[in-house]
Amino acid sequence: MSLSDLFKNAEQLQQTMMGTQKEIEGLRATGEAGAGMVVIVVDGTNTPQSVKIDPSLMMSAVNVVEDLVLSAFKDAMVKIEKLRTDKLVNLASQIELPADFNIPGFGNDFKA
């Protein structure tokens, strides 16, 4: 593979990575707690997009509501991280490096 081909591949990889980043930003994950009494949606940048709390919870003790909100948020974060990881694993599987490619400084033990 020539240096020109390597740069061309790097350009294509950069475009693919930018596309994947946009996809990740557009992801949504829903976390729930209390059998769906609290529902939180986060996006791929970990930004909460919505919070829904069943009105019947407003009669509960504050610490119960706080715990349910926290649990729903944690659930959403675990789910969005899984979605992000899946996207990045898919991206990594698309990267094609030459068989004789090695990274300087890592010796001959590191091969693609």
N, C-alpha and C. Protein backbone atom coordinates (compact mmCIF):
# COMPACT_ATOMS: atom_id res chain seq x y z
N MET A 1 0.85 -1.18 0.00
CA MET A 1 0.00 0.00 0.00
C MET A 1 0.90 1.24 0.00
N SER A 2 0.64 2.13 -0.92
CA SER A 2 1.45 3.34 -1.04
C SER A 2 1.02 4.37 0.01
N LEU A 3 1.88 5.36 0.20
CA LEU A 3 1.58 6.43 1.13
C LEU A 3 0.32 7.18 0.68
N SER A 4 0.16 7.35 -0.62
CA SER A 4 -1.03 8.01 -1.16
C SER A 4 -2.30 7.23 -0.80
N ASP A 5 -2.22 5.91 -0.93
CA ASP A 5 -3.38 5.07 -0.58
C ASP A 5 -3.68 5.18 0.92
N LEU A 6 -2.62 5.22 1.72
CA LEU A 6 -2.80 5.32 3.16
C LEU A 6 -3.50 6.63 3.53
N PHE A 7 -3.10 7.74 2.89
CA PHE A 7 -3.75 9.02 3.15
C PHE A 7 -5.20 9.01 2.67
N LYS A 8 -5.44 8.37 1.53
CA LYS A 8 -6.81 8.28 1.02
C LYS A 8 -7.69 7.49 2.00
N ASN A 9 -7.14 6.39 2.52
CA ASN A 9 -7.87 5.60 3.51
C ASN A 9 -8.12 6.40 4.78
N ALA A 10 -7.13 7.21 5.17
CA ALA A 10 -7.28 8.02 6.38
C ALA A 10 -8.39 9.05 6.19
N GLU A 11 -8.49 9.63 5.00
CA GLU A 11 -9.56 10.58 4.70
C GLU A 11 -10.93 9.91 4.79
N GLN A 12 -11.03 8.73 4.20
CA GLN A 12 -12.29 7.98 4.25
C GLN A 12 -12.64 7.62 5.69
N LEU A 13 -11.66 7.22 6.47
CA LEU A 13 -11.89 6.88 7.86
C LEU A 13 -12.37 8.10 8.64
N GLN A 14 -11.77 9.25 8.37
CA GLN A 14 -12.19 10.47 9.06
C GLN A 14 -13.65 10.78 8.74
N GLN A 15 -14.04 10.64 7.48
CA GLN A 15 -15.43 10.89 7.09
C GLN A 15 -16.37 9.90 7.79
N THR A 16 -15.97 8.65 7.84
CA THR A 16 -16.78 7.63 8.51
C THR A 16 -16.90 7.94 10.00
N MET A 17 -15.80 8.35 10.61
CA MET A 17 -15.81 8.67 12.03
C MET A 17 -16.72 9.87 12.32
N MET A 18 -16.69 10.87 11.45
CA MET A 18 -17.56 12.03 11.64
C MET A 18 -19.03 11.62 11.50
N GLY A 19 -19.32 10.75 10.56
CA GLY A 19 -20.68 10.26 10.40
C GLY A 19 -21.13 9.47 11.62
N THR A 20 -20.24 8.64 12.14
CA THR A 20 -20.57 7.86 13.33
C THR A 20 -20.80 8.78 14.52
N GLN A 21 -20.00 9.83 14.64
CA GLN A 21 -20.17 10.79 15.73
C GLN A 21 -21.56 11.43 15.67
N LYS A 22 -21.99 11.80 14.46
CA LYS A 22 -23.32 12.38 14.29
C LYS A 22 -24.40 11.38 14.68
N GLU A 23 -24.21 10.12 14.27
CA GLU A 23 -25.16 9.07 14.64
C GLU A 23 -25.23 8.91 16.16
N ILE A 24 -24.08 8.92 16.81
CA ILE A 24 -24.03 8.78 18.27
C ILE A 24 -24.77 9.93 18.94
N GLU A 25 -24.54 11.14 18.44
CA GLU A 25 -25.23 12.30 19.02
C GLU A 25 -26.74 12.17 18.90
N GLY A 26 -27.22 11.52 17.85
CA GLY A 26 -28.65 11.37 17.62
C GLY A 26 -29.28 10.19 18.34
N LEU A 27 -28.47 9.37 19.00
CA LEU A 27 -29.02 8.23 19.72
C LEU A 27 -29.90 8.69 20.89
N ARG A 28 -30.85 7.85 21.25
CA ARG A 28 -31.70 8.10 22.41
C ARG A 28 -31.81 6.80 23.20
N ALA A 29 -31.80 6.93 24.52
CA ALA A 29 -32.01 5.77 25.40
C ALA A 29 -32.97 6.19 26.50
N THR A 30 -33.84 5.26 26.85
CA THR A 30 -34.85 5.52 27.87
C THR A 30 -34.55 4.70 29.11
N GLY A 31 -34.49 5.37 30.24
CA GLY A 31 -34.31 4.70 31.52
C GLY A 31 -35.60 4.79 32.31
N GLU A 32 -35.90 3.73 33.03
CA GLU A 32 -37.14 3.69 33.82
C GLU A 32 -36.86 3.20 35.23
N ALA A 33 -37.72 3.61 36.14
CA ALA A 33 -37.67 3.13 37.52
C ALA A 33 -39.09 3.13 38.08
N GLY A 34 -39.28 2.34 39.10
CA GLY A 34 -40.60 2.28 39.74
C GLY A 34 -41.66 1.76 38.80
N ALA A 35 -41.33 0.72 38.03
CA ALA A 35 -42.28 0.12 37.09
C ALA A 35 -42.82 1.17 36.10
N GLY A 36 -41.92 2.05 35.66
CA GLY A 36 -42.30 3.05 34.66
C GLY A 36 -42.90 4.33 35.24
N MET A 37 -42.85 4.46 36.56
CA MET A 37 -43.40 5.68 37.17
C MET A 37 -42.49 6.88 36.95
N VAL A 38 -41.20 6.60 36.73
CA VAL A 38 -40.24 7.65 36.36
C VAL A 38 -39.55 7.18 35.08
N VAL A 39 -39.57 8.06 34.07
CA VAL A 39 -38.96 7.75 32.78
C VAL A 39 -38.08 8.93 32.38
N ILE A 40 -36.82 8.61 32.05
CA ILE A 40 -35.87 9.64 31.62
C ILE A 40 -35.28 9.22 30.29
N VAL A 41 -35.21 10.17 29.36
CA VAL A 41 -34.61 9.94 28.05
C VAL A 41 -33.35 10.79 27.96
N VAL A 42 -32.23 10.14 27.56
CA VAL A 42 -30.98 10.86 27.34
C VAL A 42 -30.55 10.65 25.89
N ASP A 43 -29.74 11.59 25.39
CA ASP A 43 -29.23 11.43 24.03
C ASP A 43 -27.79 10.92 24.07
N GLY A 44 -27.20 10.78 22.90
CA GLY A 44 -25.86 10.22 22.78
C GLY A 44 -24.76 11.07 23.37
N THR A 45 -25.07 12.30 23.75
CA THR A 45 -24.08 13.16 24.41
C THR A 45 -24.31 13.20 25.92
N ASN A 46 -25.14 12.28 26.41
CA ASN A 46 -25.50 12.18 27.84
C ASN A 46 -26.37 13.33 28.32
N THR A 47 -26.99 14.05 27.41
CA THR A 47 -27.85 15.16 27.79
C THR A 47 -29.27 14.64 28.00
N PRO A 48 -29.84 14.88 29.17
CA PRO A 48 -31.23 14.48 29.38
C PRO A 48 -32.15 15.22 28.40
N GLN A 49 -33.05 14.48 27.78
CA GLN A 49 -33.97 15.08 26.82
C GLN A 49 -35.38 15.23 27.40
N SER A 50 -35.75 14.32 28.29
CA SER A 50 -37.06 14.45 28.93
C SER A 50 -37.08 13.67 30.23
N VAL A 51 -37.95 14.13 31.12
CA VAL A 51 -38.19 13.47 32.39
C VAL A 51 -39.70 13.43 32.58
N LYS A 52 -40.20 12.22 32.85
CA LYS A 52 -41.63 12.08 33.13
C LYS A 52 -41.77 11.40 34.49
N ILE A 53 -42.56 12.01 35.35
CA ILE A 53 -42.81 11.46 36.68
C ILE A 53 -44.32 11.29 36.83
N ASP A 54 -44.72 10.10 37.14
CA ASP A 54 -46.14 9.81 37.34
C ASP A 54 -46.66 10.72 38.47
N PRO A 55 -47.77 11.41 38.22
CA PRO A 55 -48.30 12.34 39.24
C PRO A 55 -48.58 11.68 40.59
N SER A 56 -48.88 10.39 40.59
CA SER A 56 -49.16 9.72 41.87
C SER A 56 -47.93 9.70 42.78
N LEU A 57 -46.75 9.85 42.22
CA LEU A 57 -45.53 9.87 43.03
C LEU A 57 -45.40 11.15 43.84
N MET A 58 -46.12 12.17 43.47
CA MET A 58 -46.00 13.45 44.17
C MET A 58 -46.52 13.36 45.60
N MET A 59 -47.25 12.30 45.90
CA MET A 59 -47.73 12.09 47.27
C MET A 59 -46.71 11.30 48.09
N SER A 60 -45.65 10.82 47.44
CA SER A 60 -44.63 10.03 48.12
C SER A 60 -43.63 10.93 48.82
N ALA A 61 -42.86 10.31 49.68
CA ALA A 61 -41.78 11.04 50.36
C ALA A 61 -40.77 11.51 49.32
N VAL A 62 -40.19 12.65 49.55
CA VAL A 62 -39.23 13.25 48.62
C VAL A 62 -38.08 12.30 48.32
N ASN A 63 -37.58 11.62 49.33
CA ASN A 63 -36.42 10.74 49.10
C ASN A 63 -36.79 9.56 48.20
N VAL A 64 -38.05 9.12 48.19
CA VAL A 64 -38.50 8.06 47.29
C VAL A 64 -38.44 8.55 45.85
N VAL A 65 -38.96 9.74 45.63
CA VAL A 65 -38.96 10.33 44.28
C VAL A 65 -37.52 10.55 43.82
N GLU A 66 -36.68 11.08 44.69
CA GLU A 66 -35.28 11.30 44.34
C GLU A 66 -34.59 9.99 43.96
N ASP A 67 -34.82 8.95 44.73
CA ASP A 67 -34.21 7.65 44.43
C ASP A 67 -34.68 7.10 43.09
N LEU A 68 -35.97 7.25 42.78
CA LEU A 68 -36.50 6.76 41.51
C LEU A 68 -35.94 7.56 40.34
N VAL A 69 -35.82 8.86 40.49
CA VAL A 69 -35.24 9.69 39.42
C VAL A 69 -33.79 9.29 39.18
N LEU A 70 -33.04 9.12 40.25
CA LEU A 70 -31.65 8.71 40.13
C LEU A 70 -31.53 7.34 39.47
N SER A 71 -32.37 6.41 39.86
CA SER A 71 -32.34 5.06 39.27
C SER A 71 -32.68 5.10 37.79
N ALA A 72 -33.67 5.88 37.42
CA ALA A 72 -34.06 5.99 36.01
C ALA A 72 -32.93 6.61 35.19
N PHE A 73 -32.27 7.62 35.76
CA PHE A 73 -31.16 8.26 35.05
C PHE A 73 -30.01 7.28 34.87
N LYS A 74 -29.68 6.53 35.91
CA LYS A 74 -28.60 5.54 35.80
C LYS A 74 -28.95 4.48 34.76
N ASP A 75 -30.19 4.06 34.72
CA ASP A 75 -30.64 3.07 33.74
C ASP A 75 -30.46 3.62 32.33
N ALA A 76 -30.85 4.87 32.12
CA ALA A 76 -30.69 5.49 30.80
C ALA A 76 -29.22 5.60 30.41
N MET A 77 -28.37 5.93 31.37
CA MET A 77 -26.94 6.09 31.09
C MET A 77 -26.30 4.76 30.71
N VAL A 78 -26.69 3.69 31.38
CA VAL A 78 -26.16 2.36 31.04
C VAL A 78 -26.58 1.99 29.62
N LYS A 79 -27.82 2.27 29.28
CA LYS A 79 -28.33 1.93 27.95
C LYS A 79 -27.67 2.76 26.85
N ILE A 80 -27.47 4.06 27.09
CA ILE A 80 -26.87 4.90 26.06
C ILE A 80 -25.40 4.52 25.87
N GLU A 81 -24.73 4.14 26.94
CA GLU A 81 -23.33 3.72 26.82
C GLU A 81 -23.24 2.45 25.97
N LYS A 82 -24.16 1.54 26.16
CA LYS A 82 -24.19 0.30 25.36
C LYS A 82 -24.42 0.63 23.89
N LEU A 83 -25.34 1.54 23.60
CA LEU A 83 -25.60 1.93 22.21
C LEU A 83 -24.37 2.59 21.59
N ARG A 84 -23.71 3.46 22.36
CA ARG A 84 -22.49 4.12 21.87
C ARG A 84 -21.39 3.11 21.60
N THR A 85 -21.21 2.19 22.53
CA THR A 85 -20.17 1.16 22.37
C THR A 85 -20.44 0.32 21.14
N ASP A 86 -21.69 -0.06 20.92
CA ASP A 86 -22.04 -0.85 19.74
C ASP A 86 -21.68 -0.10 18.45
N LYS A 87 -21.96 1.19 18.42
CA LYS A 87 -21.63 2.00 17.23
C LYS A 87 -20.12 2.05 17.01
N LEU A 88 -19.37 2.23 18.08
CA LEU A 88 -17.91 2.34 17.96
C LEU A 88 -17.28 1.00 17.60
N VAL A 89 -17.81 -0.09 18.12
CA VAL A 89 -17.31 -1.41 17.75
C VAL A 89 -17.56 -1.65 16.26
N ASN A 90 -18.73 -1.24 15.80
CA ASN A 90 -19.05 -1.38 14.37
C ASN A 90 -18.08 -0.56 13.53
N LEU A 91 -17.78 0.65 13.97
CA LEU A 91 -16.82 1.50 13.26
C LEU A 91 -15.45 0.84 13.23
N ALA A 92 -15.00 0.35 14.37
CA ALA A 92 -13.67 -0.28 14.44
C ALA A 92 -13.57 -1.49 13.53
N SER A 93 -14.67 -2.21 13.37
CA SER A 93 -14.64 -3.40 12.51
C SER A 93 -14.49 -3.03 11.04
N GLN A 94 -14.79 -1.78 10.69
CA GLN A 94 -14.70 -1.32 9.31
C GLN A 94 -13.29 -0.83 8.95
N ILE A 95 -12.44 -0.63 9.94
CA ILE A 95 -11.10 -0.10 9.69
C ILE A 95 -10.23 -1.22 9.14
N GLU A 96 -9.69 -0.95 7.97
CA GLU A 96 -8.81 -1.93 7.33
C GLU A 96 -7.39 -1.36 7.31
N LEU A 97 -6.51 -2.04 8.00
CA LEU A 97 -5.11 -1.65 8.01
C LEU A 97 -4.31 -2.70 7.25
N PRO A 98 -3.26 -2.30 6.58
CA PRO A 98 -2.43 -3.28 5.87
C PRO A 98 -1.87 -4.32 6.84
N ALA A 99 -1.68 -5.53 6.35
CA ALA A 99 -1.19 -6.62 7.19
C ALA A 99 0.18 -6.32 7.79
N ASP A 100 1.00 -5.55 7.08
CA ASP A 100 2.34 -5.25 7.57
C ASP A 100 2.40 -3.93 8.35
N PHE A 101 1.26 -3.39 8.71
CA PHE A 101 1.20 -2.12 9.43
C PHE A 101 1.61 -2.34 10.88
N ASN A 102 2.54 -1.53 11.35
CA ASN A 102 2.84 -1.54 12.78
C ASN A 102 3.01 -0.11 13.25
N ILE A 103 2.79 0.10 14.52
CA ILE A 103 2.83 1.44 15.08
C ILE A 103 4.22 1.70 15.63
N PRO A 104 4.88 2.76 15.15
CA PRO A 104 6.22 3.09 15.64
C PRO A 104 6.22 3.28 17.16
N GLY A 105 7.23 2.74 17.80
CA GLY A 105 7.33 2.86 19.24
C GLY A 105 6.74 1.68 19.99
N PHE A 106 5.99 0.85 19.28
CA PHE A 106 5.40 -0.33 19.91
C PHE A 106 6.16 -1.60 19.52
N GLY A 107 7.23 -1.42 18.78
CA GLY A 107 8.02 -2.58 18.36
C GLY A 107 7.27 -3.43 17.35
N ASN A 108 7.84 -4.56 17.03
CA ASN A 108 7.22 -5.44 16.04
C ASN A 108 6.12 -6.30 16.63
N ASP A 109 5.87 -6.17 17.94
CA ASP A 109 4.83 -6.97 18.57
C ASP A 109 3.44 -6.45 18.25
N PHE A 110 3.31 -5.15 17.93
CA PHE A 110 1.99 -4.60 17.65
C PHE A 110 1.73 -4.66 16.16
N LYS A 111 0.84 -5.51 15.77
CA LYS A 111 0.44 -5.63 14.38
C LYS A 111 -1.06 -5.42 14.29
N ALA A 112 -1.51 -4.84 13.22
CA ALA A 112 -2.94 -4.63 13.03
C ALA A 112 -3.62 -5.95 12.73
